[in-house]
Amino acid sequence: MGKEKTWRKMILKIIKHPDTFLRQGSHAIKEVGDNERKLIADMLETMYDANGIGLAAIQVGYNRRMCVLDTSPSKNNPIVMINPILKDKSVETLEMEEGCLSTPGKVGIVKRHLRIKVNYKCEHEKEYEKTFYDLYAQVIQHELDHMEGKLCIN
């Protein structure tokens, strides 16, 4: 592995509902290059600045299948998902209230699976297949919805 590039991180503008851009589907990423890695760094900076726990690229103006998330209390354990695909889900679901950085002050009631299995790549193009539970499962499903042009408030 070569030396990691470092960029000056930027806080991006989060697109807000009712902007119709949020209703677009997102496209798969063919290759992870410097532009994608810069976007990931900026998305993480933006998510942390907004006190969020997940952010999809579509929310900052890029209709690409990519998201970042971090539910850790210390906000230092991010997960980057590129081209995530839901492979399996539990039968058990729970209806819950969800908020969204793109719908400030509004919440929606959504049904989420308590366990999901997801295939995805990280920013270094390493492939993963992992099972997530509870809050991580909820956040990933929320971000997958964004990639399909769905909002929790419908």
N, C-alpha and C. Protein backbone atom coordinates (compact mmCIF):
# COMPACT_ATOMS: atom_id res chain seq x y z
N MET A 1 0.84 -1.19 0.00
CA MET A 1 0.00 0.00 0.00
C MET A 1 0.87 1.24 0.00
N GLY A 2 0.45 2.21 -0.78
CA GLY A 2 1.18 3.46 -0.86
C GLY A 2 0.80 4.38 0.29
N LYS A 3 1.44 5.50 0.28
CA LYS A 3 1.18 6.52 1.30
C LYS A 3 -0.23 7.09 1.10
N GLU A 4 -0.98 7.21 2.18
CA GLU A 4 -2.33 7.77 2.12
C GLU A 4 -2.27 9.27 1.85
N LYS A 5 -3.12 9.72 0.95
CA LYS A 5 -3.22 11.16 0.71
C LYS A 5 -4.03 11.78 1.83
N THR A 6 -3.69 13.00 2.15
CA THR A 6 -4.50 13.74 3.11
C THR A 6 -5.01 14.99 2.42
N TRP A 7 -6.27 15.28 2.66
CA TRP A 7 -6.90 16.43 2.06
C TRP A 7 -7.36 17.36 3.16
N ARG A 8 -7.52 18.59 2.78
CA ARG A 8 -8.17 19.55 3.67
C ARG A 8 -9.65 19.20 3.64
N LYS A 9 -10.17 18.81 4.77
CA LYS A 9 -11.57 18.37 4.83
C LYS A 9 -12.50 19.57 4.78
N MET A 10 -13.62 19.36 4.11
CA MET A 10 -14.62 20.41 3.97
C MET A 10 -15.95 19.93 4.53
N ILE A 11 -16.69 20.84 5.08
CA ILE A 11 -18.07 20.54 5.47
C ILE A 11 -18.94 20.84 4.26
N LEU A 12 -19.66 19.83 3.81
CA LEU A 12 -20.51 19.95 2.63
C LEU A 12 -21.90 20.41 3.01
N LYS A 13 -22.59 20.98 2.06
CA LYS A 13 -23.98 21.39 2.27
C LYS A 13 -24.87 20.15 2.19
N ILE A 14 -25.69 19.95 3.21
CA ILE A 14 -26.62 18.83 3.23
C ILE A 14 -27.90 19.28 2.54
N ILE A 15 -28.30 18.52 1.53
CA ILE A 15 -29.52 18.83 0.78
C ILE A 15 -30.73 18.52 1.66
N LYS A 16 -31.68 19.43 1.68
CA LYS A 16 -32.86 19.30 2.54
C LYS A 16 -34.12 19.02 1.72
N HIS A 17 -35.01 18.25 2.33
CA HIS A 17 -36.34 18.02 1.78
C HIS A 17 -37.05 19.37 1.71
N PRO A 18 -37.76 19.74 0.68
CA PRO A 18 -38.32 18.90 -0.38
C PRO A 18 -37.51 18.87 -1.68
N ASP A 19 -36.21 19.13 -1.65
CA ASP A 19 -35.39 19.10 -2.87
C ASP A 19 -35.56 17.75 -3.55
N THR A 20 -35.95 17.76 -4.82
CA THR A 20 -36.25 16.52 -5.56
C THR A 20 -35.00 15.69 -5.84
N PHE A 21 -33.81 16.27 -5.70
CA PHE A 21 -32.58 15.49 -5.90
C PHE A 21 -32.53 14.30 -4.95
N LEU A 22 -33.08 14.47 -3.75
CA LEU A 22 -33.09 13.39 -2.75
C LEU A 22 -33.91 12.19 -3.19
N ARG A 23 -34.79 12.37 -4.16
CA ARG A 23 -35.67 11.29 -4.63
C ARG A 23 -35.06 10.49 -5.77
N GLN A 24 -33.86 10.86 -6.21
CA GLN A 24 -33.19 10.12 -7.28
C GLN A 24 -32.59 8.84 -6.73
N GLY A 25 -32.49 7.86 -7.57
CA GLY A 25 -31.73 6.67 -7.21
C GLY A 25 -30.25 6.96 -7.38
N SER A 26 -29.42 6.21 -6.70
CA SER A 26 -27.98 6.41 -6.78
C SER A 26 -27.35 5.34 -7.68
N HIS A 27 -26.24 5.70 -8.31
CA HIS A 27 -25.55 4.82 -9.24
C HIS A 27 -24.36 4.14 -8.57
N ALA A 28 -24.08 2.94 -9.02
CA ALA A 28 -22.94 2.19 -8.49
C ALA A 28 -21.63 2.91 -8.83
N ILE A 29 -20.66 2.73 -7.98
CA ILE A 29 -19.33 3.30 -8.18
C ILE A 29 -18.46 2.21 -8.80
N LYS A 30 -17.89 2.52 -9.97
CA LYS A 30 -17.09 1.54 -10.69
C LYS A 30 -15.69 1.39 -10.10
N GLU A 31 -15.10 2.50 -9.67
CA GLU A 31 -13.74 2.48 -9.16
C GLU A 31 -13.61 3.54 -8.06
N VAL A 32 -12.88 3.20 -7.02
CA VAL A 32 -12.66 4.14 -5.92
C VAL A 32 -11.32 4.82 -6.13
N GLY A 33 -11.38 6.09 -6.50
CA GLY A 33 -10.17 6.86 -6.74
C GLY A 33 -10.05 8.01 -5.76
N ASP A 34 -9.16 8.93 -6.07
CA ASP A 34 -8.93 10.07 -5.19
C ASP A 34 -10.18 10.92 -4.99
N ASN A 35 -10.99 11.11 -6.04
CA ASN A 35 -12.21 11.91 -5.90
C ASN A 35 -13.17 11.28 -4.90
N GLU A 36 -13.31 9.96 -4.95
CA GLU A 36 -14.20 9.27 -4.02
C GLU A 36 -13.65 9.32 -2.60
N ARG A 37 -12.36 9.17 -2.45
CA ARG A 37 -11.76 9.22 -1.11
C ARG A 37 -11.88 10.62 -0.50
N LYS A 38 -11.73 11.63 -1.33
CA LYS A 38 -11.92 13.02 -0.85
C LYS A 38 -13.37 13.21 -0.43
N LEU A 39 -14.31 12.71 -1.23
CA LEU A 39 -15.73 12.82 -0.89
C LEU A 39 -16.01 12.11 0.43
N ILE A 40 -15.44 10.94 0.64
CA ILE A 40 -15.63 10.20 1.89
C ILE A 40 -15.13 11.03 3.07
N ALA A 41 -13.94 11.60 2.96
CA ALA A 41 -13.39 12.42 4.04
C ALA A 41 -14.32 13.61 4.34
N ASP A 42 -14.82 14.24 3.29
CA ASP A 42 -15.73 15.38 3.46
C ASP A 42 -17.08 14.94 4.04
N MET A 43 -17.55 13.77 3.63
CA MET A 43 -18.82 13.27 4.17
C MET A 43 -18.69 12.98 5.66
N LEU A 44 -17.58 12.38 6.06
CA LEU A 44 -17.37 12.12 7.49
C LEU A 44 -17.32 13.43 8.26
N GLU A 45 -16.59 14.39 7.76
CA GLU A 45 -16.49 15.69 8.42
C GLU A 45 -17.88 16.34 8.55
N THR A 46 -18.65 16.24 7.48
CA THR A 46 -20.00 16.81 7.45
C THR A 46 -20.92 16.10 8.44
N MET A 47 -20.88 14.77 8.45
CA MET A 47 -21.73 13.99 9.36
C MET A 47 -21.40 14.32 10.82
N TYR A 48 -20.12 14.35 11.15
CA TYR A 48 -19.73 14.66 12.53
C TYR A 48 -20.12 16.08 12.91
N ASP A 49 -19.94 17.03 12.00
CA ASP A 49 -20.28 18.43 12.26
C ASP A 49 -21.78 18.59 12.51
N ALA A 50 -22.60 17.80 11.81
CA ALA A 50 -24.06 17.88 11.94
C ALA A 50 -24.58 17.00 13.07
N ASN A 51 -23.68 16.35 13.81
CA ASN A 51 -24.03 15.45 14.91
C ASN A 51 -24.90 14.29 14.41
N GLY A 52 -24.58 13.81 13.20
CA GLY A 52 -25.31 12.68 12.62
C GLY A 52 -24.61 11.37 12.91
N ILE A 53 -25.30 10.27 12.59
CA ILE A 53 -24.70 8.94 12.73
C ILE A 53 -24.65 8.20 11.40
N GLY A 54 -25.14 8.85 10.35
CA GLY A 54 -25.08 8.28 9.01
C GLY A 54 -25.31 9.37 7.98
N LEU A 55 -24.71 9.19 6.81
CA LEU A 55 -24.87 10.15 5.73
C LEU A 55 -24.63 9.44 4.41
N ALA A 56 -25.57 9.58 3.49
CA ALA A 56 -25.44 9.02 2.15
C ALA A 56 -24.95 10.11 1.19
N ALA A 57 -24.22 9.70 0.17
CA ALA A 57 -23.67 10.66 -0.80
C ALA A 57 -24.76 11.50 -1.45
N ILE A 58 -25.93 10.92 -1.69
CA ILE A 58 -27.03 11.67 -2.31
C ILE A 58 -27.41 12.90 -1.48
N GLN A 59 -27.22 12.82 -0.17
CA GLN A 59 -27.59 13.92 0.71
C GLN A 59 -26.66 15.13 0.58
N VAL A 60 -25.50 14.93 -0.04
CA VAL A 60 -24.57 16.03 -0.24
C VAL A 60 -24.34 16.29 -1.73
N GLY A 61 -25.27 15.83 -2.56
CA GLY A 61 -25.24 16.19 -3.97
C GLY A 61 -24.59 15.22 -4.92
N TYR A 62 -24.29 14.01 -4.47
CA TYR A 62 -23.66 13.00 -5.33
C TYR A 62 -24.54 11.76 -5.36
N ASN A 63 -25.13 11.46 -6.51
CA ASN A 63 -26.01 10.29 -6.57
C ASN A 63 -25.19 9.03 -6.86
N ARG A 64 -24.35 8.70 -5.89
CA ARG A 64 -23.51 7.51 -5.93
C ARG A 64 -23.86 6.61 -4.75
N ARG A 65 -23.72 5.30 -4.95
CA ARG A 65 -24.04 4.33 -3.89
C ARG A 65 -22.91 4.27 -2.88
N MET A 66 -22.96 5.22 -1.97
CA MET A 66 -21.92 5.33 -0.95
C MET A 66 -22.51 5.99 0.28
N CYS A 67 -22.08 5.51 1.46
CA CYS A 67 -22.50 6.15 2.70
C CYS A 67 -21.40 5.99 3.74
N VAL A 68 -21.51 6.83 4.76
CA VAL A 68 -20.62 6.75 5.92
C VAL A 68 -21.51 6.67 7.15
N LEU A 69 -21.03 5.99 8.19
CA LEU A 69 -21.79 5.91 9.42
C LEU A 69 -20.85 5.71 10.60
N ASP A 70 -21.33 6.15 11.74
CA ASP A 70 -20.57 5.98 12.98
C ASP A 70 -21.54 6.18 14.15
N THR A 71 -21.85 5.10 14.83
CA THR A 71 -22.75 5.19 15.98
C THR A 71 -21.98 5.14 17.30
N SER A 72 -20.66 5.16 17.22
CA SER A 72 -19.87 5.08 18.46
C SER A 72 -20.00 6.37 19.26
N PRO A 73 -20.06 6.26 20.59
CA PRO A 73 -20.16 7.47 21.43
C PRO A 73 -18.98 8.42 21.24
N SER A 74 -17.81 7.87 20.95
CA SER A 74 -16.61 8.70 20.79
C SER A 74 -16.48 9.31 19.40
N LYS A 75 -17.32 8.88 18.46
CA LYS A 75 -17.29 9.38 17.08
C LYS A 75 -15.91 9.19 16.45
N ASN A 76 -15.35 8.01 16.65
CA ASN A 76 -14.05 7.73 16.06
C ASN A 76 -13.97 6.32 15.48
N ASN A 77 -15.12 5.76 15.11
CA ASN A 77 -15.16 4.41 14.58
C ASN A 77 -16.04 4.36 13.32
N PRO A 78 -15.65 5.12 12.29
CA PRO A 78 -16.50 5.19 11.10
C PRO A 78 -16.47 3.92 10.26
N ILE A 79 -17.57 3.69 9.58
CA ILE A 79 -17.67 2.64 8.57
C ILE A 79 -18.01 3.33 7.26
N VAL A 80 -17.28 2.97 6.22
CA VAL A 80 -17.53 3.49 4.88
C VAL A 80 -18.09 2.34 4.06
N MET A 81 -19.22 2.57 3.40
CA MET A 81 -19.81 1.53 2.56
C MET A 81 -19.94 2.05 1.13
N ILE A 82 -19.31 1.33 0.22
CA ILE A 82 -19.39 1.64 -1.20
C ILE A 82 -20.13 0.49 -1.87
N ASN A 83 -21.14 0.84 -2.65
CA ASN A 83 -21.99 -0.13 -3.35
C ASN A 83 -22.56 -1.20 -2.40
N PRO A 84 -23.14 -0.78 -1.27
CA PRO A 84 -23.70 -1.78 -0.35
C PRO A 84 -24.91 -2.48 -0.95
N ILE A 85 -24.97 -3.78 -0.68
CA ILE A 85 -26.08 -4.61 -1.14
C ILE A 85 -26.61 -5.40 0.05
N LEU A 86 -27.89 -5.29 0.31
CA LEU A 86 -28.53 -6.05 1.38
C LEU A 86 -28.67 -7.49 0.91
N LYS A 87 -28.02 -8.42 1.62
CA LYS A 87 -28.02 -9.82 1.22
C LYS A 87 -28.99 -10.68 2.03
N ASP A 88 -29.25 -10.27 3.26
CA ASP A 88 -30.14 -11.06 4.12
C ASP A 88 -30.68 -10.13 5.20
N LYS A 89 -31.83 -10.49 5.74
CA LYS A 89 -32.45 -9.69 6.81
C LYS A 89 -33.26 -10.60 7.71
N SER A 90 -33.37 -10.18 8.95
CA SER A 90 -34.13 -10.96 9.92
C SER A 90 -35.62 -10.83 9.62
N VAL A 91 -36.35 -11.83 10.06
CA VAL A 91 -37.81 -11.75 9.99
C VAL A 91 -38.29 -10.72 11.01
N GLU A 92 -37.61 -10.65 12.15
CA GLU A 92 -37.99 -9.73 13.21
C GLU A 92 -37.77 -8.29 12.78
N THR A 93 -38.81 -7.49 12.96
CA THR A 93 -38.73 -6.06 12.64
C THR A 93 -39.22 -5.27 13.85
N LEU A 94 -38.96 -3.99 13.78
CA LEU A 94 -39.41 -3.08 14.82
C LEU A 94 -39.79 -1.77 14.16
N GLU A 95 -40.97 -1.25 14.52
CA GLU A 95 -41.35 0.08 14.04
C GLU A 95 -40.74 1.10 14.98
N MET A 96 -40.14 2.13 14.39
CA MET A 96 -39.46 3.13 15.21
C MET A 96 -39.52 4.49 14.56
N GLU A 97 -39.28 5.50 15.39
CA GLU A 97 -39.17 6.87 14.90
C GLU A 97 -37.77 7.09 14.39
N GLU A 98 -37.67 7.76 13.25
CA GLU A 98 -36.37 8.11 12.71
C GLU A 98 -36.35 9.57 12.30
N GLY A 99 -35.21 10.18 12.55
CA GLY A 99 -34.95 11.51 12.04
C GLY A 99 -33.92 11.41 10.92
N CYS A 100 -33.65 12.55 10.29
CA CYS A 100 -32.75 12.55 9.15
C CYS A 100 -32.12 13.93 9.01
N LEU A 101 -30.85 13.96 8.66
CA LEU A 101 -30.16 15.24 8.46
C LEU A 101 -30.78 16.04 7.31
N SER A 102 -31.46 15.35 6.39
CA SER A 102 -32.11 16.04 5.27
C SER A 102 -33.54 16.48 5.57
N THR A 103 -34.06 16.09 6.73
CA THR A 103 -35.41 16.49 7.13
C THR A 103 -35.39 17.01 8.57
N PRO A 104 -34.64 18.09 8.81
CA PRO A 104 -34.51 18.57 10.18
C PRO A 104 -35.86 18.93 10.80
N GLY A 105 -36.03 18.51 12.05
CA GLY A 105 -37.26 18.82 12.78
C GLY A 105 -38.43 17.91 12.46
N LYS A 106 -38.24 16.95 11.54
CA LYS A 106 -39.31 16.02 11.17
C LYS A 106 -38.85 14.60 11.46
N VAL A 107 -39.79 13.76 11.86
CA VAL A 107 -39.49 12.34 12.06
C VAL A 107 -40.51 11.51 11.29
N GLY A 108 -40.13 10.31 10.98
CA GLY A 108 -41.02 9.36 10.33
C GLY A 108 -41.05 8.08 11.13
N ILE A 109 -42.12 7.32 10.97
CA ILE A 109 -42.23 6.00 11.59
C ILE A 109 -41.90 4.98 10.51
N VAL A 110 -40.87 4.17 10.75
CA VAL A 110 -40.42 3.19 9.76
C VAL A 110 -40.28 1.82 10.41
N LYS A 111 -40.41 0.80 9.59
CA LYS A 111 -40.22 -0.57 10.04
C LYS A 111 -38.83 -1.00 9.59
N ARG A 112 -38.03 -1.45 10.54
CA ARG A 112 -36.65 -1.86 10.25
C ARG A 112 -36.40 -3.29 10.73
N HIS A 113 -35.59 -4.01 9.97
CA HIS A 113 -35.17 -5.34 10.37
C HIS A 113 -34.12 -5.21 11.47
N LEU A 114 -34.17 -6.10 12.45
CA LEU A 114 -33.26 -6.02 13.58
C LEU A 114 -31.86 -6.54 13.27
N ARG A 115 -31.75 -7.35 12.22
CA ARG A 115 -30.46 -7.90 11.80
C ARG A 115 -30.43 -7.88 10.28
N ILE A 116 -29.30 -7.44 9.73
CA ILE A 116 -29.13 -7.46 8.27
C ILE A 116 -27.72 -7.94 7.94
N LYS A 117 -27.58 -8.53 6.76
CA LYS A 117 -26.27 -8.90 6.24
C LYS A 117 -26.06 -8.06 4.97
N VAL A 118 -24.89 -7.42 4.90
CA VAL A 118 -24.61 -6.49 3.81
C VAL A 118 -23.26 -6.83 3.16
N ASN A 119 -23.23 -6.80 1.84
CA ASN A 119 -21.98 -6.85 1.08
C ASN A 119 -21.64 -5.42 0.69
N TYR A 120 -20.38 -5.04 0.83
CA TYR A 120 -19.95 -3.70 0.45
C TYR A 120 -18.44 -3.66 0.31
N LYS A 121 -17.95 -2.56 -0.26
CA LYS A 121 -16.52 -2.30 -0.31
C LYS A 121 -16.22 -1.11 0.59
N CYS A 122 -15.00 -1.08 1.11
CA CYS A 122 -14.54 0.08 1.87
C CYS A 122 -13.82 1.04 0.92
N GLU A 123 -13.30 2.12 1.47
CA GLU A 123 -12.62 3.12 0.64
C GLU A 123 -11.33 2.59 0.01
N HIS A 124 -10.82 1.44 0.49
CA HIS A 124 -9.62 0.84 -0.08
C HIS A 124 -9.98 -0.32 -1.02
N GLU A 125 -11.26 -0.42 -1.36
CA GLU A 125 -11.82 -1.41 -2.28
C GLU A 125 -11.75 -2.84 -1.75
N LYS A 126 -11.57 -2.99 -0.44
CA LYS A 126 -11.63 -4.32 0.16
C LYS A 126 -13.11 -4.69 0.29
N GLU A 127 -13.43 -5.92 -0.07
CA GLU A 127 -14.83 -6.37 -0.01
C GLU A 127 -15.13 -6.99 1.35
N TYR A 128 -16.34 -6.70 1.82
CA TYR A 128 -16.81 -7.21 3.11
C TYR A 128 -18.19 -7.82 2.94
N GLU A 129 -18.48 -8.81 3.76
CA GLU A 129 -19.85 -9.29 3.97
C GLU A 129 -19.98 -9.39 5.48
N LYS A 130 -20.80 -8.51 6.04
CA LYS A 130 -20.92 -8.44 7.49
C LYS A 130 -22.38 -8.44 7.90
N THR A 131 -22.59 -8.91 9.11
CA THR A 131 -23.92 -8.87 9.72
C THR A 131 -23.93 -7.74 10.75
N PHE A 132 -24.98 -6.94 10.70
CA PHE A 132 -25.15 -5.82 11.61
C PHE A 132 -26.45 -5.97 12.37
N TYR A 133 -26.45 -5.47 13.59
CA TYR A 133 -27.59 -5.60 14.48
C TYR A 133 -28.02 -4.22 14.99
N ASP A 134 -29.28 -4.16 15.41
CA ASP A 134 -29.82 -3.04 16.18
C ASP A 134 -29.56 -1.69 15.51
N LEU A 135 -28.88 -0.77 16.22
CA LEU A 135 -28.74 0.59 15.70
C LEU A 135 -27.96 0.63 14.38
N TYR A 136 -26.87 -0.15 14.29
CA TYR A 136 -26.14 -0.17 13.02
C TYR A 136 -27.03 -0.68 11.90
N ALA A 137 -27.81 -1.71 12.15
CA ALA A 137 -28.73 -2.23 11.13
C ALA A 137 -29.74 -1.15 10.72
N GLN A 138 -30.25 -0.42 11.70
CA GLN A 138 -31.22 0.64 11.42
C GLN A 138 -30.59 1.74 10.55
N VAL A 139 -29.40 2.19 10.91
CA VAL A 139 -28.74 3.27 10.17
C VAL A 139 -28.43 2.83 8.74
N ILE A 140 -27.94 1.62 8.58
CA ILE A 140 -27.61 1.12 7.23
C ILE A 140 -28.87 1.05 6.38
N GLN A 141 -29.97 0.55 6.94
CA GLN A 141 -31.21 0.50 6.18
C GLN A 141 -31.68 1.89 5.79
N HIS A 142 -31.51 2.86 6.69
CA HIS A 142 -31.87 4.24 6.42
C HIS A 142 -31.04 4.77 5.24
N GLU A 143 -29.73 4.51 5.25
CA GLU A 143 -28.87 5.00 4.17
C GLU A 143 -29.14 4.26 2.86
N LEU A 144 -29.44 2.97 2.93
CA LEU A 144 -29.83 2.23 1.73
C LEU A 144 -31.11 2.83 1.13
N ASP A 145 -32.04 3.23 1.98
CA ASP A 145 -33.26 3.90 1.48
C ASP A 145 -32.90 5.17 0.72
N HIS A 146 -31.96 5.96 1.27
CA HIS A 146 -31.52 7.17 0.56
C HIS A 146 -31.01 6.83 -0.83
N MET A 147 -30.27 5.75 -0.95
CA MET A 147 -29.71 5.37 -2.25
C MET A 147 -30.78 4.98 -3.24
N GLU A 148 -31.97 4.64 -2.74
CA GLU A 148 -33.11 4.30 -3.58
C GLU A 148 -34.07 5.48 -3.76
N GLY A 149 -33.70 6.63 -3.23
CA GLY A 149 -34.54 7.82 -3.37
C GLY A 149 -35.69 7.88 -2.38
N LYS A 150 -35.58 7.12 -1.29
CA LYS A 150 -36.64 7.10 -0.28
C LYS A 150 -36.22 7.90 0.95
N LEU A 151 -37.19 8.58 1.55
CA LEU A 151 -36.96 9.32 2.78
C LEU A 151 -37.81 8.71 3.90
N CYS A 152 -37.35 8.80 5.13
CA CYS A 152 -38.07 8.20 6.25
C CYS A 152 -39.41 8.90 6.50
N ILE A 153 -39.56 10.13 6.01
CA ILE A 153 -40.83 10.84 6.22
C ILE A 153 -41.83 10.58 5.09
N ASN A 154 -41.37 9.95 4.01
CA ASN A 154 -42.18 9.70 2.80
C ASN A 154 -42.98 10.88 2.48
